[in-house]
Amino acid sequence: MAEKSFVLRRLVLHSPNLIDGIDLSGLYFNLTIKTDIRLPFITGTVGIYDAAGYNELFPILGEERLELEIETKSMVTGKIELIKKMFRIYEMTPQ
């Protein structure tokens, strides 16, 4: 499995329970994005330090979206590319 390095530009949690999204880019400690040729979607995990108690303020119910913007070097062209995607959150593991 090939690993690529990246620079995280934006990591924002959007929830129907919030007016504005919450910027989590300063709170993450781990980001993994996986592709599988047998699946028609991308999966991933994000590890967040939650010392502020965000989970109590707005519980993750499965209807949230995670806006992700990363900068990485293309394995094909070698040029820096910006990837912007919106992901659906479907699970939150216990603390």
PDB file of N, CA and C in Angstrom:
ATOM      1  N   MET A   1       0.845  -1.172   0.000  1.00  0.00           N
ATOM      2  CA  MET A   1       0.000   0.000   0.000  1.00  0.00           C
ATOM      3  C   MET A   1       0.894   1.241   0.000  1.00  0.00           C
ATOM      4  N   ALA A   2       0.652   2.158  -0.927  1.00  0.00           N
ATOM      5  CA  ALA A   2       1.442   3.372  -1.048  1.00  0.00           C
ATOM      6  C   ALA A   2       0.898   4.447  -0.116  1.00  0.00           C
ATOM      7  N   GLU A   3       1.800   5.156   0.518  1.00  0.00           N
ATOM      8  CA  GLU A   3       1.414   6.263   1.376  1.00  0.00           C
ATOM      9  C   GLU A   3       1.865   7.561   0.736  1.00  0.00           C
ATOM     10  N   LYS A   4       1.027   8.568   0.818  1.00  0.00           N
ATOM     11  CA  LYS A   4       1.352   9.886   0.306  1.00  0.00           C
ATOM     12  C   LYS A   4       1.315  10.873   1.458  1.00  0.00           C
ATOM     13  N   SER A   5       2.210  11.833   1.410  1.00  0.00           N
ATOM     14  CA  SER A   5       2.146  12.895   2.408  1.00  0.00           C
ATOM     15  C   SER A   5       1.253  14.010   1.879  1.00  0.00           C
ATOM     16  N   PHE A   6       0.753  14.831   2.778  1.00  0.00           N
ATOM     17  CA  PHE A   6      -0.178  15.884   2.402  1.00  0.00           C
ATOM     18  C   PHE A   6      -0.069  17.031   3.385  1.00  0.00           C
ATOM     19  N   VAL A   7      -0.637  18.144   3.002  1.00  0.00           N
ATOM     20  CA  VAL A   7      -0.798  19.297   3.880  1.00  0.00           C
ATOM     21  C   VAL A   7      -2.293  19.537   4.007  1.00  0.00           C
ATOM     22  N   LEU A   8      -2.786  19.505   5.226  1.00  0.00           N
ATOM     23  CA  LEU A   8      -4.211  19.732   5.464  1.00  0.00           C
ATOM     24  C   LEU A   8      -4.485  21.226   5.407  1.00  0.00           C
ATOM     25  N   ARG A   9      -5.349  21.640   4.516  1.00  0.00           N
ATOM     26  CA  ARG A   9      -5.723  23.045   4.359  1.00  0.00           C
ATOM     27  C   ARG A   9      -7.045  23.364   5.055  1.00  0.00           C
ATOM     28  N   ARG A  10      -7.946  22.391   5.092  1.00  0.00           N
ATOM     29  CA  ARG A  10      -9.276  22.647   5.662  1.00  0.00           C
ATOM     30  C   ARG A  10      -9.885  21.335   6.150  1.00  0.00           C
ATOM     31  N   LEU A  11     -10.431  21.366   7.355  1.00  0.00           N
ATOM     32  CA  LEU A  11     -11.143  20.227   7.931  1.00  0.00           C
ATOM     33  C   LEU A  11     -12.294  20.817   8.743  1.00  0.00           C
ATOM     34  N   VAL A  12     -13.478  20.854   8.137  1.00  0.00           N
ATOM     35  CA  VAL A  12     -14.616  21.537   8.751  1.00  0.00           C
ATOM     36  C   VAL A  12     -15.777  20.559   8.895  1.00  0.00           C
ATOM     37  N   LEU A  13     -16.332  20.505  10.084  1.00  0.00           N
ATOM     38  CA  LEU A  13     -17.494  19.673  10.367  1.00  0.00           C
ATOM     39  C   LEU A  13     -18.752  20.508  10.152  1.00  0.00           C
ATOM     40  N   HIS A  14     -19.656  20.008   9.309  1.00  0.00           N
ATOM     41  CA  HIS A  14     -20.940  20.657   9.050  1.00  0.00           C
ATOM     42  C   HIS A  14     -22.042  19.779   9.623  1.00  0.00           C
ATOM     43  N   SER A  15     -22.939  20.398  10.371  1.00  0.00           N
ATOM     44  CA  SER A  15     -24.031  19.665  11.004  1.00  0.00           C
ATOM     45  C   SER A  15     -25.326  20.442  10.821  1.00  0.00           C
ATOM     46  N   PRO A  16     -26.449  19.734  10.636  1.00  0.00           N
ATOM     47  CA  PRO A  16     -27.736  20.420  10.570  1.00  0.00           C
ATOM     48  C   PRO A  16     -28.077  21.132  11.878  1.00  0.00           C
ATOM     49  N   ASN A  17     -27.403  20.748  12.958  1.00  0.00           N
ATOM     50  CA  ASN A  17     -27.659  21.340  14.272  1.00  0.00           C
ATOM     51  C   ASN A  17     -26.858  22.613  14.513  1.00  0.00           C
ATOM     52  N   LEU A  18     -25.994  22.990  13.557  1.00  0.00           N
ATOM     53  CA  LEU A  18     -25.144  24.169  13.699  1.00  0.00           C
ATOM     54  C   LEU A  18     -25.397  25.135  12.551  1.00  0.00           C
ATOM     55  N   ILE A  19     -25.326  26.417  12.838  1.00  0.00           N
ATOM     56  CA  ILE A  19     -25.487  27.426  11.789  1.00  0.00           C
ATOM     57  C   ILE A  19     -24.256  27.441  10.892  1.00  0.00           C
ATOM     58  N   ASP A  20     -23.090  27.499  11.497  1.00  0.00           N
ATOM     59  CA  ASP A  20     -21.828  27.492  10.759  1.00  0.00           C
ATOM     60  C   ASP A  20     -21.093  26.185  11.039  1.00  0.00           C
ATOM     61  N   GLY A  21     -20.190  25.830  10.144  1.00  0.00           N
ATOM     62  CA  GLY A  21     -19.356  24.651  10.380  1.00  0.00           C
ATOM     63  C   GLY A  21     -18.313  24.946  11.445  1.00  0.00           C
ATOM     64  N   ILE A  22     -17.752  23.890  11.998  1.00  0.00           N
ATOM     65  CA  ILE A  22     -16.699  24.018  13.009  1.00  0.00           C
ATOM     66  C   ILE A  22     -15.384  23.571  12.410  1.00  0.00           C
ATOM     67  N   ASP A  23     -14.387  24.439  12.475  1.00  0.00           N
ATOM     68  CA  ASP A  23     -13.068  24.128  11.946  1.00  0.00           C
ATOM     69  C   ASP A  23     -12.347  23.193  12.913  1.00  0.00           C
ATOM     70  N   LEU A  24     -12.052  21.989  12.448  1.00  0.00           N
ATOM     71  CA  LEU A  24     -11.371  20.991  13.276  1.00  0.00           C
ATOM     72  C   LEU A  24      -9.902  20.809  12.893  1.00  0.00           C
ATOM     73  N   SER A  25      -9.400  21.630  11.986  1.00  0.00           N
ATOM     74  CA  SER A  25      -8.042  21.427  11.477  1.00  0.00           C
ATOM     75  C   SER A  25      -6.970  21.540  12.562  1.00  0.00           C
ATOM     76  N   GLY A  26      -7.215  22.307  13.603  1.00  0.00           N
ATOM     77  CA  GLY A  26      -6.254  22.411  14.693  1.00  0.00           C
ATOM     78  C   GLY A  26      -6.411  21.328  15.743  1.00  0.00           C
ATOM     79  N   LEU A  27      -7.438  20.483  15.607  1.00  0.00           N
ATOM     80  CA  LEU A  27      -7.732  19.467  16.619  1.00  0.00           C
ATOM     81  C   LEU A  27      -7.431  18.042  16.170  1.00  0.00           C
ATOM     82  N   TYR A  28      -7.131  17.846  14.890  1.00  0.00           N
ATOM     83  CA  TYR A  28      -6.943  16.481  14.418  1.00  0.00           C
ATOM     84  C   TYR A  28      -5.517  16.002  14.709  1.00  0.00           C
ATOM     85  N   PHE A  29      -5.373  14.712  14.971  1.00  0.00           N
ATOM     86  CA  PHE A  29      -4.044  14.134  15.162  1.00  0.00           C
ATOM     87  C   PHE A  29      -3.767  13.012  14.175  1.00  0.00           C
ATOM     88  N   ASN A  30      -4.792  12.554  13.476  1.00  0.00           N
ATOM     89  CA  ASN A  30      -4.612  11.463  12.527  1.00  0.00           C
ATOM     90  C   ASN A  30      -5.663  11.567  11.435  1.00  0.00           C
ATOM     91  N   LEU A  31      -5.231  11.407  10.196  1.00  0.00           N
ATOM     92  CA  LEU A  31      -6.147  11.401   9.064  1.00  0.00           C
ATOM     93  C   LEU A  31      -5.701  10.303   8.121  1.00  0.00           C
ATOM     94  N   THR A  32      -6.611   9.373   7.846  1.00  0.00           N
ATOM     95  CA  THR A  32      -6.327   8.266   6.935  1.00  0.00           C
ATOM     96  C   THR A  32      -7.441   8.200   5.907  1.00  0.00           C
ATOM     97  N   ILE A  33      -7.060   8.169   4.641  1.00  0.00           N
ATOM     98  CA  ILE A  33      -8.028   8.032   3.558  1.00  0.00           C
ATOM     99  C   ILE A  33      -7.673   6.758   2.802  1.00  0.00           C
ATOM    100  N   LYS A  34      -8.679   5.914   2.577  1.00  0.00           N
ATOM    101  CA  LYS A  34      -8.453   4.624   1.926  1.00  0.00           C
ATOM    102  C   LYS A  34      -9.325   4.475   0.696  1.00  0.00           C
ATOM    103  N   THR A  35      -8.750   3.893  -0.329  1.00  0.00           N
ATOM    104  CA  THR A  35      -9.528   3.524  -1.507  1.00  0.00           C
ATOM    105  C   THR A  35      -9.414   2.018  -1.683  1.00  0.00           C
ATOM    106  N   ASP A  36     -10.454   1.440  -2.216  1.00  0.00           N
ATOM    107  CA  ASP A  36     -10.484   0.004  -2.471  1.00  0.00           C
ATOM    108  C   ASP A  36     -11.112  -0.196  -3.842  1.00  0.00           C
ATOM    109  N   ILE A  37     -10.417  -0.853  -4.722  1.00  0.00           N
ATOM    110  CA  ILE A  37     -10.905  -1.042  -6.088  1.00  0.00           C
ATOM    111  C   ILE A  37     -12.230  -1.788  -6.129  1.00  0.00           C
ATOM    112  N   ARG A  38     -12.537  -2.533  -5.075  1.00  0.00           N
ATOM    113  CA  ARG A  38     -13.792  -3.294  -5.022  1.00  0.00           C
ATOM    114  C   ARG A  38     -14.970  -2.485  -4.501  1.00  0.00           C
ATOM    115  N   LEU A  39     -14.709  -1.275  -4.003  1.00  0.00           N
ATOM    116  CA  LEU A  39     -15.774  -0.450  -3.432  1.00  0.00           C
ATOM    117  C   LEU A  39     -15.989   0.804  -4.276  1.00  0.00           C
ATOM    118  N   PRO A  40     -17.239   1.240  -4.408  1.00  0.00           N
ATOM    119  CA  PRO A  40     -17.519   2.434  -5.210  1.00  0.00           C
ATOM    120  C   PRO A  40     -17.425   3.744  -4.415  1.00  0.00           C
ATOM    121  N   PHE A  41     -16.700   3.731  -3.294  1.00  0.00           N
ATOM    122  CA  PHE A  41     -16.583   4.928  -2.470  1.00  0.00           C
ATOM    123  C   PHE A  41     -15.232   4.934  -1.766  1.00  0.00           C
ATOM    124  N   ILE A  42     -14.897   6.071  -1.179  1.00  0.00           N
ATOM    125  CA  ILE A  42     -13.658   6.262  -0.419  1.00  0.00           C
ATOM    126  C   ILE A  42     -14.020   6.218   1.058  1.00  0.00           C
ATOM    127  N   THR A  43     -13.174   5.593   1.863  1.00  0.00           N
ATOM    128  CA  THR A  43     -13.396   5.572   3.307  1.00  0.00           C
ATOM    129  C   THR A  43     -12.215   6.245   3.998  1.00  0.00           C
ATOM    130  N   GLY A  44     -12.408   6.574   5.248  1.00  0.00           N
ATOM    131  CA  GLY A  44     -11.314   7.184   5.987  1.00  0.00           C
ATOM    132  C   GLY A  44     -11.649   7.322   7.448  1.00  0.00           C
ATOM    133  N   THR A  45     -10.647   7.712   8.201  1.00  0.00           N
ATOM    134  CA  THR A  45     -10.818   7.977   9.624  1.00  0.00           C
ATOM    135  C   THR A  45     -10.113   9.285   9.962  1.00  0.00           C
ATOM    136  N   VAL A  46     -10.672   9.968  10.946  1.00  0.00           N
ATOM    137  CA  VAL A  46     -10.073  11.195  11.453  1.00  0.00           C
ATOM    138  C   VAL A  46     -10.028  11.074  12.967  1.00  0.00           C
ATOM    139  N   GLY A  47      -8.854  11.254  13.532  1.00  0.00           N
ATOM    140  CA  GLY A  47      -8.709  11.274  14.988  1.00  0.00           C
ATOM    141  C   GLY A  47      -8.717  12.716  15.459  1.00  0.00           C
ATOM    142  N   ILE A  48      -9.572  13.035  16.425  1.00  0.00           N
ATOM    143  CA  ILE A  48      -9.745  14.402  16.914  1.00  0.00           C
ATOM    144  C   ILE A  48      -9.494  14.448  18.417  1.00  0.00           C
ATOM    145  N   TYR A  49      -8.696  15.435  18.854  1.00  0.00           N
ATOM    146  CA  TYR A  49      -8.575  15.718  20.280  1.00  0.00           C
ATOM    147  C   TYR A  49      -9.802  16.528  20.681  1.00  0.00           C
ATOM    148  N   ASP A  50     -10.587  16.038  21.628  1.00  0.00           N
ATOM    149  CA  ASP A  50     -11.826  16.699  21.998  1.00  0.00           C
ATOM    150  C   ASP A  50     -11.781  17.155  23.450  1.00  0.00           C
ATOM    151  N   ALA A  51     -10.819  18.001  23.781  1.00  0.00           N
ATOM    152  CA  ALA A  51     -10.717  18.513  25.141  1.00  0.00           C
ATOM    153  C   ALA A  51     -11.805  19.544  25.442  1.00  0.00           C
ATOM    154  N   ALA A  52     -12.414  20.120  24.390  1.00  0.00           N
ATOM    155  CA  ALA A  52     -13.448  21.144  24.583  1.00  0.00           C
ATOM    156  C   ALA A  52     -14.837  20.541  24.769  1.00  0.00           C
ATOM    157  N   GLY A  53     -14.986  19.234  24.617  1.00  0.00           N
ATOM    158  CA  GLY A  53     -16.278  18.584  24.812  1.00  0.00           C
ATOM    159  C   GLY A  53     -17.254  18.812  23.678  1.00  0.00           C
ATOM    160  N   TYR A  54     -16.747  18.842  22.440  1.00  0.00           N
ATOM    161  CA  TYR A  54     -17.631  19.039  21.293  1.00  0.00           C
ATOM    162  C   TYR A  54     -18.698  17.958  21.199  1.00  0.00           C
ATOM    163  N   ASN A  55     -18.353  16.744  21.565  1.00  0.00           N
ATOM    164  CA  ASN A  55     -19.316  15.646  21.476  1.00  0.00           C
ATOM    165  C   ASN A  55     -20.548  15.888  22.362  1.00  0.00           C
ATOM    166  N   GLU A  56     -20.360  16.557  23.488  1.00  0.00           N
ATOM    167  CA  GLU A  56     -21.494  16.874  24.352  1.00  0.00           C
ATOM    168  C   GLU A  56     -22.303  18.046  23.789  1.00  0.00           C
ATOM    169  N   LEU A  57     -21.632  18.988  23.116  1.00  0.00           N
ATOM    170  CA  LEU A  57     -22.324  20.153  22.555  1.00  0.00           C
ATOM    171  C   LEU A  57     -23.204  19.776  21.369  1.00  0.00           C
ATOM    172  N   PHE A  58     -22.700  18.923  20.513  1.00  0.00           N
ATOM    173  CA  PHE A  58     -23.480  18.452  19.361  1.00  0.00           C
ATOM    174  C   PHE A  58     -23.081  17.019  19.069  1.00  0.00           C
ATOM    175  N   PRO A  59     -23.890  16.068  19.506  1.00  0.00           N
ATOM    176  CA  PRO A  59     -23.564  14.665  19.264  1.00  0.00           C
ATOM    177  C   PRO A  59     -23.583  14.328  17.774  1.00  0.00           C
ATOM    178  N   ILE A  60     -22.685  13.448  17.371  1.00  0.00           N
ATOM    179  CA  ILE A  60     -22.613  12.988  15.982  1.00  0.00           C
ATOM    180  C   ILE A  60     -23.737  11.966  15.787  1.00  0.00           C
ATOM    181  N   LEU A  61     -24.650  12.271  14.872  1.00  0.00           N
ATOM    182  CA  LEU A  61     -25.810  11.423  14.658  1.00  0.00           C
ATOM    183  C   LEU A  61     -25.770  10.667  13.340  1.00  0.00           C
ATOM    184  N   GLY A  62     -24.834  11.005  12.474  1.00  0.00           N
ATOM    185  CA  GLY A  62     -24.743  10.338  11.177  1.00  0.00           C
ATOM    186  C   GLY A  62     -25.262  11.178  10.027  1.00  0.00           C
ATOM    187  N   GLU A  63     -25.713  12.389  10.322  1.00  0.00           N
ATOM    188  CA  GLU A  63     -26.190  13.264   9.247  1.00  0.00           C
ATOM    189  C   GLU A  63     -25.223  14.422   8.993  1.00  0.00           C
ATOM    190  N   GLU A  64     -24.047  14.345   9.587  1.00  0.00           N
ATOM    191  CA  GLU A  64     -23.052  15.391   9.439  1.00  0.00           C
ATOM    192  C   GLU A  64     -22.211  15.174   8.180  1.00  0.00           C
ATOM    193  N   ARG A  65     -21.536  16.218   7.775  1.00  0.00           N
ATOM    194  CA  ARG A  65     -20.624  16.176   6.635  1.00  0.00           C
ATOM    195  C   ARG A  65     -19.278  16.727   7.088  1.00  0.00           C
ATOM    196  N   LEU A  66     -18.226  16.193   6.511  1.00  0.00           N
ATOM    197  CA  LEU A  66     -16.874  16.643   6.813  1.00  0.00           C
ATOM    198  C   LEU A  66     -16.264  17.193   5.533  1.00  0.00           C
ATOM    199  N   GLU A  67     -15.965  18.470   5.547  1.00  0.00           N
ATOM    200  CA  GLU A  67     -15.348  19.134   4.397  1.00  0.00           C
ATOM    201  C   GLU A  67     -13.834  19.016   4.540  1.00  0.00           C
ATOM    202  N   LEU A  68     -13.211  18.459   3.528  1.00  0.00           N
ATOM    203  CA  LEU A  68     -11.781  18.189   3.574  1.00  0.00           C
ATOM    204  C   LEU A  68     -11.102  18.835   2.380  1.00  0.00           C
ATOM    205  N   GLU A  69     -10.025  19.543   2.648  1.00  0.00           N
ATOM    206  CA  GLU A  69      -9.228  20.156   1.588  1.00  0.00           C
ATOM    207  C   GLU A  69      -7.762  19.860   1.902  1.00  0.00           C
ATOM    208  N   ILE A  70      -7.121  19.114   1.008  1.00  0.00           N
ATOM    209  CA  ILE A  70      -5.718  18.760   1.219  1.00  0.00           C
ATOM    210  C   ILE A  70      -4.897  19.117  -0.014  1.00  0.00           C
ATOM    211  N   GLU A  71      -3.645  19.383   0.229  1.00  0.00           N
ATOM    212  CA  GLU A  71      -2.689  19.665  -0.829  1.00  0.00           C
ATOM    213  C   GLU A  71      -1.695  18.508  -0.847  1.00  0.00           C
ATOM    214  N   THR A  72      -1.486  17.934  -2.014  1.00  0.00           N
ATOM    215  CA  THR A  72      -0.586  16.794  -2.123  1.00  0.00           C
ATOM    216  C   THR A  72       0.103  16.802  -3.476  1.00  0.00           C
ATOM    217  N   LYS A  73       1.166  16.053  -3.575  1.00  0.00           N
ATOM    218  CA  LYS A  73       1.906  15.958  -4.826  1.00  0.00           C
ATOM    219  C   LYS A  73       1.350  14.801  -5.651  1.00  0.00           C
ATOM    220  N   SER A  74       1.034  15.068  -6.906  1.00  0.00           N
ATOM    221  CA  SER A  74       0.484  14.048  -7.788  1.00  0.00           C
ATOM    222  C   SER A  74       1.520  12.961  -8.049  1.00  0.00           C
ATOM    223  N   MET A  75       1.101  11.703  -7.949  1.00  0.00           N
ATOM    224  CA  MET A  75       2.007  10.587  -8.228  1.00  0.00           C
ATOM    225  C   MET A  75       2.233  10.429  -9.735  1.00  0.00           C
ATOM    226  N   VAL A  76       1.366  11.024 -10.542  1.00  0.00           N
ATOM    227  CA  VAL A  76       1.470  10.910 -11.992  1.00  0.00           C
ATOM    228  C   VAL A  76       2.306  12.039 -12.580  1.00  0.00           C
ATOM    229  N   THR A  77       1.930  13.286 -12.261  1.00  0.00           N
ATOM    230  CA  THR A  77       2.592  14.439 -12.878  1.00  0.00           C
ATOM    231  C   THR A  77       3.697  15.040 -12.014  1.00  0.00           C
ATOM    232  N   GLY A  78       3.660  14.784 -10.711  1.00  0.00           N
ATOM    233  CA  GLY A  78       4.647  15.371  -9.807  1.00  0.00           C
ATOM    234  C   GLY A  78       4.301  16.788  -9.381  1.00  0.00           C
ATOM    235  N   LYS A  79       3.195  17.324  -9.892  1.00  0.00           N
ATOM    236  CA  LYS A  79       2.771  18.682  -9.544  1.00  0.00           C
ATOM    237  C   LYS A  79       1.931  18.656  -8.267  1.00  0.00           C
ATOM    238  N   ILE A  80       1.929  19.803  -7.575  1.00  0.00           N
ATOM    239  CA  ILE A  80       1.100  19.947  -6.386  1.00  0.00           C
ATOM    240  C   ILE A  80      -0.350  20.104  -6.830  1.00  0.00           C
ATOM    241  N   GLU A  81      -1.245  19.326  -6.221  1.00  0.00           N
ATOM    242  CA  GLU A  81      -2.665  19.436  -6.542  1.00  0.00           C
ATOM    243  C   GLU A  81      -3.468  19.655  -5.271  1.00  0.00           C
ATOM    244  N   LEU A  82      -4.562  20.370  -5.415  1.00  0.00           N
ATOM    245  CA  LEU A  82      -5.459  20.643  -4.306  1.00  0.00           C
ATOM    246  C   LEU A  82      -6.696  19.768  -4.469  1.00  0.00           C
ATOM    247  N   ILE A  83      -7.009  19.002  -3.440  1.00  0.00           N
ATOM    248  CA  ILE A  83      -8.164  18.107  -3.472  1.00  0.00           C
ATOM    249  C   ILE A  83      -9.182  18.623  -2.465  1.00  0.00           C
ATOM    250  N   LYS A  84     -10.395  18.886  -2.944  1.00  0.00           N
ATOM    251  CA  LYS A  84     -11.492  19.352  -2.092  1.00  0.00           C
ATOM    252  C   LYS A  84     -12.625  18.346  -2.204  1.00  0.00           C
ATOM    253  N   LYS A  85     -13.056  17.812  -1.074  1.00  0.00           N
ATOM    254  CA  LYS A  85     -14.137  16.828  -1.061  1.00  0.00           C
ATOM    255  C   LYS A  85     -15.006  17.031   0.174  1.00  0.00           C
ATOM    256  N   MET A  86     -16.249  16.585   0.059  1.00  0.00           N
ATOM    257  CA  MET A  86     -17.178  16.576   1.180  1.00  0.00           C
ATOM    258  C   MET A  86     -17.503  15.113   1.473  1.00  0.00           C
ATOM    259  N   PHE A  87     -17.324  14.698   2.721  1.00  0.00           N
ATOM    260  CA  PHE A  87     -17.559  13.314   3.122  1.00  0.00           C
ATOM    261  C   PHE A  87     -18.727  13.253   4.099  1.00  0.00           C
ATOM    262  N   ARG A  88     -19.446  12.155   4.057  1.00  0.00           N
ATOM    263  CA  ARG A  88     -20.547  11.913   4.994  1.00  0.00           C
ATOM    264  C   ARG A  88     -20.010  11.128   6.181  1.00  0.00           C
ATOM    265  N   ILE A  89     -20.349  11.573   7.373  1.00  0.00           N
ATOM    266  CA  ILE A  89     -19.949  10.853   8.577  1.00  0.00           C
ATOM    267  C   ILE A  89     -21.009   9.804   8.867  1.00  0.00           C
ATOM    268  N   TYR A  90     -20.580   8.572   9.049  1.00  0.00           N
ATOM    269  CA  TYR A  90     -21.551   7.511   9.310  1.00  0.00           C
ATOM    270  C   TYR A  90     -21.279   6.776  10.614  1.00  0.00           C
ATOM    271  N   GLU A  91     -20.177   7.086  11.289  1.00  0.00           N
ATOM    272  CA  GLU A  91     -19.878   6.367  12.523  1.00  0.00           C
ATOM    273  C   GLU A  91     -18.916   7.183  13.369  1.00  0.00           C
ATOM    274  N   MET A  92     -19.101   7.089  14.671  1.00  0.00           N
ATOM    275  CA  MET A  92     -18.164   7.685  15.608  1.00  0.00           C
ATOM    276  C   MET A  92     -17.828   6.629  16.651  1.00  0.00           C
ATOM    277  N   THR A  93     -16.551   6.372  16.834  1.00  0.00           N
ATOM    278  CA  THR A  93     -16.149   5.354  17.806  1.00  0.00           C
ATOM    279  C   THR A  93     -16.153   5.958  19.216  1.00  0.00           C
ATOM    280  N   PRO A  94     -16.283   5.115  20.216  1.00  0.00           N
ATOM    281  CA  PRO A  94     -16.253   5.611  21.601  1.00  0.00           C
ATOM    282  C   PRO A  94     -14.921   6.250  21.918  1.00  0.00           C
ATOM    283  N   GLN A  95     -14.964   7.143  22.876  1.00  0.00           N
ATOM    284  CA  GLN A  95     -13.754   7.875  23.269  1.00  0.00           C
ATOM    285  C   GLN A  95     -12.813   6.982  24.017  1.00  0.00           C
TER     286      GLN A  95
END
